[in-house]
Amino acid sequence: MNTPDTHQGGESDLVQVSLSALEHYAYCPRQCGLILLEDAFEDDAATVRGTLLHQRVDTPGNRGRHTIRTLHALPVWHDRYGLTGICDTVELHADGRILPIEHKSGRYHPGGPADIQAAAQAMCLEEMFHRPVPDAAVYSAADRKRHPITVDNTLRTRVVELARTVRVMLSTTQLPPPVADTRCRNCSMATGCMPKLLTGTRRYQQALTDLYRPHHPTEDA
């Protein structure tokens, strides 16, 4: 299985990046920064639905069904890439196939952030079980369908690159700028983020200039 290379040596010293952070950053870097750097998170109807969905599937344990054993809330990690997280569901098939299934309350968007999270789960499972995991799936509660994902090299590279980017953000503690686009309409954190106020407004740019302009007090005559 070909996977992206990382630097050699010192991998265990990498700052751990959660799989959920990869999805947040892929959706909106600023949202990820607000959550990780400022410990900010606001619930709305969508996030509550997601929480309730995960409460149903995230009870640790395993169940058997015919030739498939199903694991729930399985902790996973990848030391070389500095990844850690929890798989909602992992199916262990009798033929040796391993299938991670990420559960989402909303609709599935092909090629979206959920694919990143599911692919990262597959990569972690490969590390833990020492066997290829070429496929994953995203279950959408909105349409009650399981959407298959091929964990190819393009997706794997995206996971590794996002992990590095999130790690840089954590080390610099620099909050990404707001985007102020259609993503903000359905974001529970839009109020605290203030995207429209902070993007490209002359007043905001002037405030930044005034804030960081060196102050030279005038000398008394």
N, C-alpha and C. Protein backbone atom coordinates (compact mmCIF):
# COMPACT_ATOMS: atom_id res chain seq x y z
N MET A 1 0.85 -1.20 0.00
CA MET A 1 0.00 0.00 0.00
C MET A 1 0.87 1.23 0.00
N ASN A 2 0.74 2.05 -1.02
CA ASN A 2 1.53 3.27 -1.10
C ASN A 2 0.85 4.37 -0.30
N THR A 3 1.61 4.98 0.60
CA THR A 3 1.09 6.07 1.39
C THR A 3 2.10 7.20 1.37
N PRO A 4 1.64 8.45 1.59
CA PRO A 4 2.55 9.58 1.57
C PRO A 4 3.63 9.43 2.63
N ASP A 5 4.85 9.86 2.30
CA ASP A 5 5.95 9.78 3.24
C ASP A 5 5.92 10.95 4.20
N THR A 6 6.46 10.72 5.40
CA THR A 6 6.67 11.79 6.35
C THR A 6 8.15 11.84 6.66
N HIS A 7 8.55 12.85 7.44
CA HIS A 7 9.96 12.94 7.76
C HIS A 7 10.37 11.74 8.60
N GLN A 8 11.61 11.34 8.49
CA GLN A 8 12.09 10.19 9.22
C GLN A 8 12.64 10.65 10.57
N GLY A 9 12.27 9.89 11.60
CA GLY A 9 12.77 10.19 12.94
C GLY A 9 11.88 11.20 13.64
N GLY A 10 11.65 10.96 14.95
CA GLY A 10 10.90 11.91 15.75
C GLY A 10 9.42 11.91 15.50
N GLU A 11 8.88 10.87 14.80
CA GLU A 11 7.46 10.88 14.50
C GLU A 11 6.61 10.83 15.77
N SER A 12 7.10 10.12 16.80
CA SER A 12 6.32 9.99 18.02
C SER A 12 6.19 11.32 18.76
N ASP A 13 7.03 12.31 18.39
CA ASP A 13 6.97 13.61 19.04
C ASP A 13 6.00 14.56 18.36
N LEU A 14 5.35 14.11 17.30
CA LEU A 14 4.41 14.97 16.61
C LEU A 14 3.24 15.34 17.52
N VAL A 15 2.81 16.59 17.42
CA VAL A 15 1.58 17.00 18.10
C VAL A 15 0.42 16.23 17.50
N GLN A 16 -0.37 15.58 18.34
CA GLN A 16 -1.47 14.77 17.86
C GLN A 16 -2.59 15.65 17.31
N VAL A 17 -3.09 15.26 16.16
CA VAL A 17 -4.20 15.96 15.52
C VAL A 17 -5.40 15.02 15.50
N SER A 18 -6.53 15.49 15.98
CA SER A 18 -7.72 14.64 16.01
C SER A 18 -8.32 14.51 14.62
N LEU A 19 -8.95 13.39 14.37
CA LEU A 19 -9.59 13.17 13.07
C LEU A 19 -10.72 14.16 12.84
N SER A 20 -11.42 14.52 13.90
CA SER A 20 -12.50 15.50 13.75
C SER A 20 -11.95 16.87 13.37
N ALA A 21 -10.72 17.20 13.83
CA ALA A 21 -10.12 18.47 13.47
C ALA A 21 -9.82 18.53 11.97
N LEU A 22 -9.45 17.39 11.39
CA LEU A 22 -9.22 17.35 9.94
C LEU A 22 -10.50 17.71 9.19
N GLU A 23 -11.60 17.16 9.65
CA GLU A 23 -12.87 17.46 8.97
C GLU A 23 -13.25 18.92 9.15
N HIS A 24 -13.09 19.44 10.37
CA HIS A 24 -13.43 20.84 10.62
C HIS A 24 -12.58 21.76 9.75
N TYR A 25 -11.28 21.48 9.66
CA TYR A 25 -10.40 22.35 8.88
C TYR A 25 -10.72 22.25 7.38
N ALA A 26 -11.03 21.03 6.91
CA ALA A 26 -11.39 20.86 5.50
C ALA A 26 -12.65 21.64 5.17
N TYR A 27 -13.57 21.74 6.14
CA TYR A 27 -14.81 22.48 5.90
C TYR A 27 -14.56 23.98 6.00
N CYS A 28 -13.90 24.41 7.07
CA CYS A 28 -13.62 25.83 7.28
C CYS A 28 -12.45 25.96 8.25
N PRO A 29 -11.29 26.44 7.79
CA PRO A 29 -10.14 26.60 8.67
C PRO A 29 -10.42 27.45 9.90
N ARG A 30 -11.20 28.51 9.74
CA ARG A 30 -11.47 29.38 10.89
C ARG A 30 -12.31 28.64 11.92
N GLN A 31 -13.29 27.87 11.47
CA GLN A 31 -14.10 27.09 12.41
C GLN A 31 -13.21 26.17 13.23
N CYS A 32 -12.27 25.50 12.55
CA CYS A 32 -11.34 24.62 13.25
C CYS A 32 -10.49 25.40 14.25
N GLY A 33 -10.02 26.57 13.84
CA GLY A 33 -9.20 27.38 14.72
C GLY A 33 -9.96 27.86 15.95
N LEU A 34 -11.20 28.27 15.76
CA LEU A 34 -12.00 28.71 16.90
C LEU A 34 -12.20 27.58 17.91
N ILE A 35 -12.40 26.37 17.40
CA ILE A 35 -12.62 25.23 18.29
C ILE A 35 -11.34 24.85 19.02
N LEU A 36 -10.22 24.76 18.29
CA LEU A 36 -8.98 24.27 18.88
C LEU A 36 -8.21 25.33 19.66
N LEU A 37 -8.21 26.56 19.16
CA LEU A 37 -7.39 27.61 19.77
C LEU A 37 -8.16 28.39 20.84
N GLU A 38 -9.46 28.56 20.65
CA GLU A 38 -10.23 29.38 21.59
C GLU A 38 -11.28 28.58 22.35
N ASP A 39 -11.27 27.26 22.14
CA ASP A 39 -12.21 26.38 22.84
C ASP A 39 -13.64 26.89 22.70
N ALA A 40 -13.95 27.35 21.50
CA ALA A 40 -15.27 27.92 21.23
C ALA A 40 -16.10 26.95 20.42
N PHE A 41 -17.32 26.71 20.85
CA PHE A 41 -18.23 25.88 20.07
C PHE A 41 -19.65 26.23 20.47
N GLU A 42 -20.49 26.40 19.48
CA GLU A 42 -21.90 26.74 19.71
C GLU A 42 -22.77 25.67 19.06
N ASP A 43 -23.79 25.22 19.80
CA ASP A 43 -24.72 24.25 19.26
C ASP A 43 -25.84 24.93 18.50
N ASP A 44 -26.30 24.26 17.46
CA ASP A 44 -27.54 24.64 16.80
C ASP A 44 -28.31 23.35 16.53
N ALA A 45 -29.38 23.45 15.76
CA ALA A 45 -30.21 22.26 15.53
C ALA A 45 -29.40 21.14 14.88
N ALA A 46 -28.53 21.51 13.94
CA ALA A 46 -27.76 20.50 13.22
C ALA A 46 -26.76 19.80 14.13
N THR A 47 -26.07 20.57 14.98
CA THR A 47 -25.08 19.95 15.86
C THR A 47 -25.75 19.09 16.93
N VAL A 48 -26.93 19.52 17.38
CA VAL A 48 -27.67 18.70 18.35
C VAL A 48 -28.09 17.38 17.72
N ARG A 49 -28.57 17.44 16.47
CA ARG A 49 -28.92 16.20 15.79
C ARG A 49 -27.70 15.28 15.67
N GLY A 50 -26.56 15.88 15.35
CA GLY A 50 -25.35 15.09 15.25
C GLY A 50 -24.95 14.47 16.57
N THR A 51 -25.09 15.22 17.65
CA THR A 51 -24.77 14.70 18.98
C THR A 51 -25.68 13.53 19.34
N LEU A 52 -26.97 13.67 19.08
CA LEU A 52 -27.91 12.59 19.38
C LEU A 52 -27.62 11.35 18.55
N LEU A 53 -27.25 11.56 17.27
CA LEU A 53 -26.91 10.43 16.42
C LEU A 53 -25.70 9.69 16.96
N HIS A 54 -24.67 10.41 17.37
CA HIS A 54 -23.46 9.77 17.86
C HIS A 54 -23.68 9.11 19.22
N GLN A 55 -24.62 9.62 20.00
CA GLN A 55 -24.94 8.95 21.25
C GLN A 55 -25.49 7.56 21.00
N ARG A 56 -26.16 7.38 19.88
CA ARG A 56 -26.72 6.06 19.56
C ARG A 56 -25.66 5.09 19.06
N VAL A 57 -24.64 5.61 18.39
CA VAL A 57 -23.65 4.71 17.78
C VAL A 57 -22.32 4.68 18.52
N ASP A 58 -22.10 5.61 19.44
CA ASP A 58 -20.79 5.72 20.07
C ASP A 58 -20.71 5.04 21.43
N THR A 59 -21.55 4.05 21.66
CA THR A 59 -21.41 3.26 22.87
C THR A 59 -20.38 2.18 22.63
N PRO A 60 -19.26 2.20 23.39
CA PRO A 60 -18.20 1.22 23.12
C PRO A 60 -18.71 -0.21 23.22
N GLY A 61 -18.19 -1.06 22.35
CA GLY A 61 -18.57 -2.47 22.39
C GLY A 61 -18.46 -3.09 21.02
N ASN A 62 -18.77 -4.37 20.94
CA ASN A 62 -18.76 -5.05 19.64
C ASN A 62 -19.94 -5.99 19.56
N ARG A 63 -20.42 -6.18 18.34
CA ARG A 63 -21.58 -7.02 18.09
C ARG A 63 -21.31 -7.89 16.88
N GLY A 64 -21.90 -9.06 16.89
CA GLY A 64 -21.73 -9.96 15.76
C GLY A 64 -23.01 -10.08 14.95
N ARG A 65 -22.86 -10.11 13.65
CA ARG A 65 -24.02 -10.29 12.76
C ARG A 65 -23.58 -11.15 11.59
N HIS A 66 -23.99 -12.40 11.61
CA HIS A 66 -23.60 -13.34 10.57
C HIS A 66 -22.07 -13.42 10.51
N THR A 67 -21.47 -13.01 9.40
CA THR A 67 -20.02 -13.11 9.26
C THR A 67 -19.33 -11.76 9.49
N ILE A 68 -20.05 -10.80 10.05
CA ILE A 68 -19.50 -9.46 10.27
C ILE A 68 -19.52 -9.14 11.76
N ARG A 69 -18.38 -8.72 12.29
CA ARG A 69 -18.33 -8.22 13.67
C ARG A 69 -18.23 -6.71 13.62
N THR A 70 -19.08 -6.05 14.37
CA THR A 70 -19.16 -4.59 14.35
C THR A 70 -18.65 -4.01 15.66
N LEU A 71 -17.68 -3.11 15.54
CA LEU A 71 -17.12 -2.41 16.70
C LEU A 71 -17.63 -0.98 16.71
N HIS A 72 -17.98 -0.49 17.88
CA HIS A 72 -18.47 0.88 18.02
C HIS A 72 -17.54 1.68 18.93
N ALA A 73 -17.41 2.96 18.63
CA ALA A 73 -16.60 3.89 19.42
C ALA A 73 -15.20 3.33 19.63
N LEU A 74 -14.57 2.94 18.54
CA LEU A 74 -13.24 2.33 18.61
C LEU A 74 -12.16 3.41 18.57
N PRO A 75 -11.33 3.54 19.63
CA PRO A 75 -10.22 4.50 19.58
C PRO A 75 -9.19 4.05 18.55
N VAL A 76 -8.71 4.99 17.74
CA VAL A 76 -7.72 4.68 16.71
C VAL A 76 -6.63 5.74 16.73
N TRP A 77 -5.48 5.40 16.13
CA TRP A 77 -4.37 6.34 16.09
C TRP A 77 -3.41 5.94 14.98
N HIS A 78 -2.55 6.89 14.62
CA HIS A 78 -1.48 6.64 13.66
C HIS A 78 -0.28 7.44 14.13
N ASP A 79 0.69 6.76 14.75
CA ASP A 79 1.82 7.46 15.36
C ASP A 79 2.65 8.20 14.33
N ARG A 80 2.88 7.60 13.17
CA ARG A 80 3.77 8.21 12.19
C ARG A 80 3.20 9.50 11.62
N TYR A 81 1.89 9.57 11.50
CA TYR A 81 1.25 10.78 10.98
C TYR A 81 0.70 11.67 12.09
N GLY A 82 0.81 11.23 13.33
CA GLY A 82 0.33 12.04 14.44
C GLY A 82 -1.17 12.22 14.46
N LEU A 83 -1.91 11.15 14.19
CA LEU A 83 -3.37 11.21 14.16
C LEU A 83 -3.96 10.43 15.32
N THR A 84 -5.09 10.88 15.80
CA THR A 84 -5.80 10.17 16.86
C THR A 84 -7.29 10.49 16.76
N GLY A 85 -8.12 9.55 17.19
CA GLY A 85 -9.55 9.80 17.13
C GLY A 85 -10.35 8.57 17.51
N ILE A 86 -11.62 8.60 17.19
CA ILE A 86 -12.54 7.50 17.50
C ILE A 86 -13.38 7.21 16.26
N CYS A 87 -13.44 5.96 15.89
CA CYS A 87 -14.31 5.54 14.78
C CYS A 87 -15.70 5.27 15.31
N ASP A 88 -16.71 5.84 14.66
CA ASP A 88 -18.09 5.56 15.07
C ASP A 88 -18.37 4.07 14.97
N THR A 89 -18.09 3.50 13.80
CA THR A 89 -18.36 2.08 13.56
C THR A 89 -17.24 1.50 12.70
N VAL A 90 -16.81 0.30 13.05
CA VAL A 90 -15.84 -0.44 12.24
C VAL A 90 -16.37 -1.85 12.05
N GLU A 91 -16.50 -2.26 10.80
CA GLU A 91 -16.94 -3.61 10.49
C GLU A 91 -15.73 -4.49 10.20
N LEU A 92 -15.67 -5.64 10.87
CA LEU A 92 -14.64 -6.65 10.62
C LEU A 92 -15.30 -7.83 9.91
N HIS A 93 -14.99 -7.99 8.63
CA HIS A 93 -15.61 -9.03 7.82
C HIS A 93 -14.83 -10.34 7.92
N ALA A 94 -15.52 -11.44 7.67
CA ALA A 94 -14.91 -12.76 7.79
C ALA A 94 -13.76 -12.96 6.81
N ASP A 95 -13.79 -12.25 5.68
CA ASP A 95 -12.72 -12.38 4.69
C ASP A 95 -11.51 -11.50 5.00
N GLY A 96 -11.53 -10.86 6.18
CA GLY A 96 -10.42 -10.01 6.59
C GLY A 96 -10.60 -8.54 6.25
N ARG A 97 -11.65 -8.21 5.54
CA ARG A 97 -11.86 -6.81 5.16
C ARG A 97 -12.27 -5.98 6.37
N ILE A 98 -11.70 -4.78 6.46
CA ILE A 98 -12.00 -3.84 7.54
C ILE A 98 -12.63 -2.60 6.93
N LEU A 99 -13.79 -2.21 7.45
CA LEU A 99 -14.51 -1.07 6.87
C LEU A 99 -14.90 -0.08 7.97
N PRO A 100 -14.26 1.11 8.00
CA PRO A 100 -14.72 2.16 8.92
C PRO A 100 -15.92 2.89 8.34
N ILE A 101 -16.87 3.21 9.20
CA ILE A 101 -18.09 3.90 8.77
C ILE A 101 -18.29 5.13 9.65
N GLU A 102 -18.19 6.30 9.03
CA GLU A 102 -18.40 7.55 9.75
C GLU A 102 -19.87 7.93 9.64
N HIS A 103 -20.50 8.27 10.77
CA HIS A 103 -21.92 8.62 10.80
C HIS A 103 -22.11 10.13 10.80
N LYS A 104 -22.97 10.62 9.93
CA LYS A 104 -23.28 12.04 9.85
C LYS A 104 -24.79 12.23 9.86
N SER A 105 -25.23 13.30 10.53
CA SER A 105 -26.67 13.55 10.60
C SER A 105 -27.19 14.23 9.35
N GLY A 106 -26.35 14.99 8.68
CA GLY A 106 -26.78 15.73 7.49
C GLY A 106 -26.60 14.95 6.21
N ARG A 107 -26.81 15.62 5.10
CA ARG A 107 -26.68 14.99 3.80
C ARG A 107 -25.21 14.79 3.43
N TYR A 108 -24.97 13.79 2.65
CA TYR A 108 -23.61 13.48 2.23
C TYR A 108 -23.24 14.29 0.99
N HIS A 109 -22.03 14.84 1.00
CA HIS A 109 -21.52 15.59 -0.15
C HIS A 109 -20.28 14.88 -0.66
N PRO A 110 -20.35 14.26 -1.83
CA PRO A 110 -19.20 13.52 -2.38
C PRO A 110 -17.95 14.40 -2.45
N GLY A 111 -16.84 13.86 -1.98
CA GLY A 111 -15.59 14.60 -2.00
C GLY A 111 -15.48 15.65 -0.92
N GLY A 112 -16.42 15.68 0.01
CA GLY A 112 -16.43 16.69 1.05
C GLY A 112 -15.60 16.32 2.26
N PRO A 113 -15.69 17.13 3.32
CA PRO A 113 -14.88 16.91 4.52
C PRO A 113 -15.09 15.55 5.19
N ALA A 114 -16.29 14.99 5.08
CA ALA A 114 -16.53 13.68 5.69
C ALA A 114 -15.65 12.61 5.08
N ASP A 115 -15.35 12.74 3.79
CA ASP A 115 -14.45 11.79 3.13
C ASP A 115 -13.06 11.83 3.75
N ILE A 116 -12.61 13.02 4.10
CA ILE A 116 -11.30 13.18 4.73
C ILE A 116 -11.26 12.43 6.06
N GLN A 117 -12.30 12.62 6.87
CA GLN A 117 -12.34 11.98 8.18
C GLN A 117 -12.40 10.46 8.05
N ALA A 118 -13.22 9.96 7.13
CA ALA A 118 -13.34 8.52 6.93
C ALA A 118 -12.03 7.92 6.42
N ALA A 119 -11.36 8.64 5.51
CA ALA A 119 -10.08 8.16 4.98
C ALA A 119 -9.03 8.12 6.08
N ALA A 120 -9.02 9.13 6.95
CA ALA A 120 -8.07 9.14 8.06
C ALA A 120 -8.31 7.97 9.00
N GLN A 121 -9.57 7.62 9.20
CA GLN A 121 -9.89 6.45 10.01
C GLN A 121 -9.31 5.19 9.38
N ALA A 122 -9.47 5.07 8.06
CA ALA A 122 -8.93 3.89 7.36
C ALA A 122 -7.42 3.81 7.51
N MET A 123 -6.73 4.94 7.43
CA MET A 123 -5.29 4.96 7.56
C MET A 123 -4.85 4.56 8.97
N CYS A 124 -5.60 5.00 9.96
CA CYS A 124 -5.30 4.60 11.34
C CYS A 124 -5.52 3.10 11.54
N LEU A 125 -6.58 2.58 10.97
CA LEU A 125 -6.86 1.15 11.10
C LEU A 125 -5.79 0.31 10.42
N GLU A 126 -5.27 0.78 9.30
CA GLU A 126 -4.17 0.09 8.64
C GLU A 126 -2.97 -0.02 9.57
N GLU A 127 -2.67 1.07 10.25
CA GLU A 127 -1.54 1.10 11.17
C GLU A 127 -1.75 0.13 12.33
N MET A 128 -2.97 0.05 12.82
CA MET A 128 -3.26 -0.76 14.00
C MET A 128 -3.39 -2.25 13.68
N PHE A 129 -4.02 -2.56 12.54
CA PHE A 129 -4.28 -3.96 12.20
C PHE A 129 -3.24 -4.54 11.24
N HIS A 130 -2.35 -3.68 10.74
CA HIS A 130 -1.28 -4.13 9.84
C HIS A 130 -1.82 -4.84 8.60
N ARG A 131 -2.85 -4.24 8.02
CA ARG A 131 -3.39 -4.75 6.77
C ARG A 131 -4.05 -3.60 6.01
N PRO A 132 -4.14 -3.71 4.69
CA PRO A 132 -4.71 -2.61 3.90
C PRO A 132 -6.18 -2.37 4.23
N VAL A 133 -6.56 -1.12 4.24
CA VAL A 133 -7.96 -0.72 4.39
C VAL A 133 -8.26 0.24 3.23
N PRO A 134 -8.59 -0.30 2.06
CA PRO A 134 -8.73 0.54 0.86
C PRO A 134 -10.07 1.24 0.73
N ASP A 135 -11.01 0.90 1.61
CA ASP A 135 -12.35 1.47 1.49
C ASP A 135 -12.85 1.97 2.84
N ALA A 136 -13.77 2.91 2.77
CA ALA A 136 -14.45 3.43 3.95
C ALA A 136 -15.87 3.80 3.51
N ALA A 137 -16.65 4.30 4.46
CA ALA A 137 -18.01 4.69 4.12
C ALA A 137 -18.47 5.81 5.03
N VAL A 138 -19.39 6.60 4.53
CA VAL A 138 -20.06 7.63 5.33
C VAL A 138 -21.55 7.32 5.33
N TYR A 139 -22.10 7.13 6.52
CA TYR A 139 -23.54 6.90 6.63
C TYR A 139 -24.23 8.23 6.88
N SER A 140 -25.18 8.58 6.02
CA SER A 140 -25.94 9.82 6.15
C SER A 140 -27.31 9.51 6.74
N ALA A 141 -27.58 10.06 7.92
CA ALA A 141 -28.89 9.86 8.53
C ALA A 141 -29.97 10.59 7.76
N ALA A 142 -29.60 11.65 7.02
CA ALA A 142 -30.59 12.42 6.28
C ALA A 142 -31.23 11.59 5.18
N ASP A 143 -30.44 10.78 4.48
CA ASP A 143 -31.02 9.95 3.42
C ASP A 143 -30.97 8.46 3.76
N ARG A 144 -30.48 8.16 4.97
CA ARG A 144 -30.43 6.77 5.47
C ARG A 144 -29.71 5.86 4.49
N LYS A 145 -28.59 6.36 3.97
CA LYS A 145 -27.80 5.58 3.03
C LYS A 145 -26.34 5.56 3.46
N ARG A 146 -25.69 4.47 3.08
CA ARG A 146 -24.26 4.34 3.29
C ARG A 146 -23.56 4.68 1.97
N HIS A 147 -22.67 5.66 2.01
CA HIS A 147 -21.99 6.12 0.81
C HIS A 147 -20.55 5.60 0.82
N PRO A 148 -20.18 4.76 -0.13
CA PRO A 148 -18.83 4.17 -0.15
C PRO A 148 -17.77 5.18 -0.59
N ILE A 149 -16.57 5.03 -0.07
CA ILE A 149 -15.44 5.90 -0.39
C ILE A 149 -14.23 5.03 -0.71
N THR A 150 -13.56 5.33 -1.80
CA THR A 150 -12.30 4.67 -2.12
C THR A 150 -11.16 5.49 -1.52
N VAL A 151 -10.40 4.87 -0.64
CA VAL A 151 -9.31 5.57 0.03
C VAL A 151 -8.07 5.47 -0.85
N ASP A 152 -8.00 6.34 -1.87
CA ASP A 152 -6.90 6.29 -2.83
C ASP A 152 -5.76 7.20 -2.37
N ASN A 153 -4.70 7.23 -3.17
CA ASN A 153 -3.52 8.01 -2.80
C ASN A 153 -3.81 9.50 -2.74
N THR A 154 -4.70 9.99 -3.60
CA THR A 154 -5.05 11.40 -3.57
C THR A 154 -5.68 11.78 -2.23
N LEU A 155 -6.58 10.95 -1.76
CA LEU A 155 -7.25 11.20 -0.49
C LEU A 155 -6.28 11.05 0.67
N ARG A 156 -5.40 10.06 0.60
CA ARG A 156 -4.41 9.86 1.66
C ARG A 156 -3.47 11.06 1.76
N THR A 157 -3.03 11.56 0.62
CA THR A 157 -2.16 12.72 0.62
C THR A 157 -2.86 13.93 1.23
N ARG A 158 -4.13 14.07 0.92
CA ARG A 158 -4.92 15.18 1.48
C ARG A 158 -4.99 15.08 3.00
N VAL A 159 -5.15 13.87 3.52
CA VAL A 159 -5.20 13.68 4.98
C VAL A 159 -3.88 14.12 5.61
N VAL A 160 -2.76 13.68 5.05
CA VAL A 160 -1.45 14.01 5.61
C VAL A 160 -1.19 15.51 5.54
N GLU A 161 -1.54 16.13 4.42
CA GLU A 161 -1.33 17.57 4.26
C GLU A 161 -2.18 18.38 5.24
N LEU A 162 -3.43 17.96 5.42
CA LEU A 162 -4.30 18.65 6.37
C LEU A 162 -3.78 18.52 7.79
N ALA A 163 -3.29 17.33 8.14
CA ALA A 163 -2.73 17.12 9.48
C ALA A 163 -1.56 18.07 9.73
N ARG A 164 -0.71 18.22 8.73
CA ARG A 164 0.42 19.14 8.87
C ARG A 164 -0.06 20.58 9.02
N THR A 165 -1.07 20.95 8.25
CA THR A 165 -1.58 22.31 8.30
C THR A 165 -2.20 22.62 9.66
N VAL A 166 -2.98 21.69 10.17
CA VAL A 166 -3.59 21.88 11.50
C VAL A 166 -2.50 21.96 12.56
N ARG A 167 -1.46 21.16 12.41
CA ARG A 167 -0.37 21.17 13.38
C ARG A 167 0.36 22.51 13.38
N VAL A 168 0.54 23.09 12.20
CA VAL A 168 1.15 24.42 12.11
C VAL A 168 0.27 25.45 12.80
N MET A 169 -1.03 25.37 12.58
CA MET A 169 -1.95 26.30 13.23
C MET A 169 -1.86 26.19 14.75
N LEU A 170 -1.76 24.97 15.26
CA LEU A 170 -1.67 24.77 16.70
C LEU A 170 -0.36 25.33 17.25
N SER A 171 0.72 25.19 16.48
CA SER A 171 2.02 25.65 16.97
C SER A 171 2.15 27.16 16.92
N THR A 172 1.53 27.79 15.92
CA THR A 172 1.62 29.24 15.79
C THR A 172 0.50 29.96 16.54
N THR A 173 -0.55 29.21 16.89
CA THR A 173 -1.76 29.75 17.55
C THR A 173 -2.35 30.92 16.76
N GLN A 174 -2.17 30.89 15.45
CA GLN A 174 -2.71 31.95 14.60
C GLN A 174 -4.07 31.54 14.06
N LEU A 175 -5.07 32.31 14.38
CA LEU A 175 -6.44 32.00 13.96
C LEU A 175 -6.61 32.31 12.47
N PRO A 176 -7.08 31.35 11.66
CA PRO A 176 -7.29 31.61 10.23
C PRO A 176 -8.34 32.70 10.03
N PRO A 177 -8.24 33.43 8.93
CA PRO A 177 -9.20 34.50 8.66
C PRO A 177 -10.58 33.94 8.32
N PRO A 178 -11.63 34.73 8.50
CA PRO A 178 -12.98 34.28 8.15
C PRO A 178 -13.16 34.21 6.64
N VAL A 179 -14.14 33.41 6.21
CA VAL A 179 -14.37 33.22 4.78
C VAL A 179 -15.55 34.03 4.26
N ALA A 180 -16.59 34.17 5.06
CA ALA A 180 -17.77 34.95 4.68
C ALA A 180 -18.35 34.51 3.36
N ASP A 181 -18.71 33.22 3.27
CA ASP A 181 -19.36 32.72 2.07
C ASP A 181 -20.56 31.87 2.48
N THR A 182 -21.05 31.04 1.58
CA THR A 182 -22.28 30.29 1.86
C THR A 182 -22.13 29.31 3.02
N ARG A 183 -20.90 28.93 3.36
CA ARG A 183 -20.71 28.03 4.49
C ARG A 183 -21.18 28.66 5.80
N CYS A 184 -21.11 29.97 5.88
CA CYS A 184 -21.44 30.66 7.13
C CYS A 184 -22.93 30.58 7.47
N ARG A 185 -23.77 30.38 6.44
CA ARG A 185 -25.21 30.36 6.68
C ARG A 185 -25.63 29.24 7.60
N ASN A 186 -24.96 28.10 7.49
CA ASN A 186 -25.34 26.93 8.28
C ASN A 186 -24.36 26.63 9.40
N CYS A 187 -23.52 27.60 9.73
CA CYS A 187 -22.51 27.38 10.76
C CYS A 187 -23.02 27.88 12.11
N SER A 188 -22.96 27.02 13.11
CA SER A 188 -23.44 27.40 14.44
C SER A 188 -22.54 28.44 15.09
N MET A 189 -21.32 28.64 14.55
CA MET A 189 -20.36 29.54 15.17
C MET A 189 -20.29 30.89 14.48
N ALA A 190 -21.24 31.16 13.58
CA ALA A 190 -21.19 32.41 12.80
C ALA A 190 -21.27 33.64 13.69
N THR A 191 -22.01 33.58 14.78
CA THR A 191 -22.15 34.75 15.65
C THR A 191 -20.82 35.13 16.28
N GLY A 192 -20.11 34.14 16.82
CA GLY A 192 -18.82 34.42 17.43
C GLY A 192 -17.73 34.70 16.42
N CYS A 193 -17.87 34.13 15.23
CA CYS A 193 -16.86 34.31 14.18
C CYS A 193 -16.94 35.69 13.54
N MET A 194 -18.14 36.22 13.40
CA MET A 194 -18.40 37.53 12.78
C MET A 194 -17.76 37.63 11.40
N PRO A 195 -18.05 36.72 10.49
CA PRO A 195 -17.36 36.71 9.20
C PRO A 195 -17.59 37.95 8.35
N LYS A 196 -18.84 38.44 8.30
CA LYS A 196 -19.12 39.60 7.44
C LYS A 196 -18.45 40.86 7.97
N LEU A 197 -18.37 40.96 9.30
CA LEU A 197 -17.76 42.14 9.90
C LEU A 197 -16.26 42.17 9.67
N LEU A 198 -15.64 40.96 9.67
CA LEU A 198 -14.18 40.90 9.67
C LEU A 198 -13.54 40.71 8.31
N THR A 199 -14.32 40.56 7.26
CA THR A 199 -13.70 40.31 5.95
C THR A 199 -13.76 41.54 5.07
N GLY A 200 -12.60 42.10 4.84
CA GLY A 200 -12.47 43.14 3.84
C GLY A 200 -13.12 44.46 4.13
N THR A 201 -13.59 44.69 5.35
CA THR A 201 -14.22 45.96 5.64
C THR A 201 -13.15 47.00 5.96
N ARG A 202 -13.35 48.19 5.47
CA ARG A 202 -12.38 49.25 5.67
C ARG A 202 -12.23 49.57 7.15
N ARG A 203 -13.34 49.53 7.87
CA ARG A 203 -13.30 49.87 9.29
C ARG A 203 -12.45 48.86 10.04
N TYR A 204 -12.61 47.55 9.70
CA TYR A 204 -11.84 46.51 10.40
C TYR A 204 -10.35 46.63 10.08
N GLN A 205 -10.03 46.85 8.79
CA GLN A 205 -8.63 46.98 8.41
C GLN A 205 -7.99 48.20 9.09
N GLN A 206 -8.73 49.27 9.21
CA GLN A 206 -8.20 50.46 9.87
C GLN A 206 -7.98 50.20 11.34
N ALA A 207 -8.91 49.44 11.95
CA ALA A 207 -8.77 49.11 13.37
C ALA A 207 -7.51 48.28 13.61
N LEU A 208 -7.24 47.33 12.69
CA LEU A 208 -6.02 46.53 12.81
C LEU A 208 -4.78 47.41 12.69
N THR A 209 -4.81 48.34 11.74
CA THR A 209 -3.67 49.23 11.54
C THR A 209 -3.42 50.07 12.79
N ASP A 210 -4.51 50.61 13.35
CA ASP A 210 -4.38 51.44 14.54
C ASP A 210 -3.91 50.62 15.74
N LEU A 211 -4.34 49.37 15.80
CA LEU A 211 -4.00 48.53 16.96
C LEU A 211 -2.51 48.21 16.99
N TYR A 212 -1.93 47.95 15.83
CA TYR A 212 -0.54 47.50 15.78
C TYR A 212 0.44 48.60 15.35
N ARG A 213 -0.04 49.84 15.20
CA ARG A 213 0.86 50.93 14.85
C ARG A 213 1.68 51.32 16.07
N PRO A 214 3.01 51.41 15.92
CA PRO A 214 3.85 51.81 17.06
C PRO A 214 3.44 53.17 17.59
N HIS A 215 3.39 53.24 18.90
CA HIS A 215 2.97 54.51 19.53
C HIS A 215 4.20 55.28 19.99
N HIS A 216 4.33 56.53 19.54
CA HIS A 216 5.47 57.37 19.91
C HIS A 216 4.92 58.59 20.65
N PRO A 217 4.99 58.59 21.95
CA PRO A 217 4.46 59.73 22.70
C PRO A 217 5.25 61.01 22.38
N THR A 218 4.54 62.08 22.27
CA THR A 218 5.20 63.36 21.99
C THR A 218 5.93 63.86 23.20
N GLU A 219 7.06 64.52 22.95
CA GLU A 219 7.85 65.05 24.05
C GLU A 219 7.28 66.38 24.50
N ASP A 220 7.39 66.62 25.80
CA ASP A 220 6.93 67.88 26.32
C ASP A 220 7.84 69.00 25.82
N ALA A 221 7.23 70.10 25.48
CA ALA A 221 8.00 71.25 24.99
C ALA A 221 8.81 71.84 26.13
